[in-house]
Every structure is written in C-alpha cells, then in structure tokens.
Amino acid sequence: MPALDVRFPMGLLFLFLGLILVGYGLTADPAIYAAHSLGQNVNVIWGAIFALFGIAMLTLAAKAKKKTPRD
C-alpha cells in the first residue's frame, strides 16, 4: 500500500486558489484597491504566490513519485 503524499492535493488546492485570485484581481475594478491596499492589487500578488507554491508542491510530489521504487 503506497503512502499518502499530501503534496499532490495540497499543490492542486493552492494552484487552483491562486488562479482564481489572479483571475479576480485582473478582472476587478482597480478602484477597490485605492483605499484599502495602498493602490496595490493584492489579489494578483497573492494569487501568483499561491500558484507558485502550488506548482512547487506538485513538482516535489512528481519527483517523489519518480524516486520511489515500483513494487
């Protein structure tokens, strides 16, 4: 029985959430960022960070799967 690698579902989750945040940040009205976040589009910034973290987790999960010997 193979061990559960939590990096794969976690990577998918962060990648999906990151893409949603980036999409919302790119399509939202820029005026909402003027008063609350000093003019910075925090949804795009944090969405990109989430997506990069998700890609890193998926990469690590793929490398671990290649490294384990087949039974």
Protein backbone atom coordinates (compact mmCIF):
# COMPACT_ATOMS: atom_id res chain seq x y z
CA MET A 1 0.00 0.00 0.00
CA PRO A 2 1.58 3.30 -1.06
CA ALA A 3 1.97 6.07 1.46
CA LEU A 4 -0.23 9.12 1.13
CA ASP A 5 1.68 12.06 -0.31
CA VAL A 6 -0.12 15.19 0.85
CA ARG A 7 1.90 17.40 -1.53
CA PHE A 8 -0.21 16.47 -4.54
CA PRO A 9 -3.68 17.51 -3.26
CA MET A 10 -2.16 20.49 -1.45
CA GLY A 11 -0.45 21.58 -4.67
CA LEU A 12 -3.69 21.30 -6.61
CA LEU A 13 -5.54 23.31 -3.96
CA PHE A 14 -3.02 26.15 -3.89
CA LEU A 15 -2.71 26.23 -7.68
CA PHE A 16 -6.49 26.39 -8.09
CA LEU A 17 -6.93 29.09 -5.44
CA GLY A 18 -4.03 31.08 -6.87
CA LEU A 19 -5.50 31.02 -10.37
CA ILE A 20 -8.86 32.16 -9.02
CA LEU A 21 -7.24 35.05 -7.15
CA VAL A 22 -5.19 36.13 -10.16
CA GLY A 23 -8.25 35.98 -12.38
CA TYR A 24 -10.31 38.03 -9.96
CA GLY A 25 -7.52 40.55 -9.50
CA LEU A 26 -7.14 41.06 -13.23
CA THR A 27 -10.87 41.49 -13.87
CA ALA A 28 -11.86 43.51 -10.78
CA ASP A 29 -12.33 47.26 -10.72
CA PRO A 30 -8.97 48.91 -9.83
CA ALA A 31 -10.79 51.48 -7.69
CA ILE A 32 -11.36 48.91 -4.93
CA TYR A 33 -7.61 48.75 -4.30
CA ALA A 34 -7.10 52.51 -3.99
CA ALA A 35 -8.36 52.94 -0.43
CA HIS A 36 -7.78 49.53 1.13
CA SER A 37 -4.39 48.33 -0.07
CA LEU A 38 -2.41 51.47 -0.96
CA GLY A 39 -3.17 51.01 -4.64
CA GLN A 40 -1.60 47.54 -4.80
CA ASN A 41 -3.55 44.74 -6.45
CA VAL A 42 -3.06 42.26 -3.64
CA ASN A 43 -5.23 39.62 -5.29
CA VAL A 44 -2.84 39.30 -8.23
CA ILE A 45 0.22 39.36 -5.98
CA TRP A 46 -1.00 36.74 -3.52
CA GLY A 47 -2.65 34.70 -6.27
CA ALA A 48 0.71 34.44 -8.02
CA ILE A 49 2.40 33.44 -4.76
CA PHE A 50 -0.25 30.77 -4.11
CA ALA A 51 0.06 29.46 -7.67
CA LEU A 52 3.86 29.28 -7.46
CA PHE A 53 3.62 27.43 -4.15
CA GLY A 54 1.12 25.01 -5.70
CA ILE A 55 3.42 24.38 -8.65
CA ALA A 56 6.33 23.77 -6.27
CA MET A 57 4.29 21.22 -4.29
CA LEU A 58 3.19 19.44 -7.47
CA THR A 59 6.80 19.35 -8.69
CA LEU A 60 8.01 17.89 -5.40
CA ALA A 61 5.23 15.29 -5.46
CA ALA A 62 6.15 14.27 -9.02
CA LYS A 63 9.84 13.96 -8.12
CA ALA A 64 9.00 11.84 -5.07
CA LYS A 65 6.79 9.57 -7.17
CA LYS A 66 9.62 9.03 -9.68
CA LYS A 67 12.08 8.26 -6.92
CA THR A 68 10.04 5.55 -5.17
CA PRO A 69 10.70 2.02 -6.48
CA ARG A 70 7.82 0.11 -8.03
CA ASP A 71 6.58 -2.98 -6.19
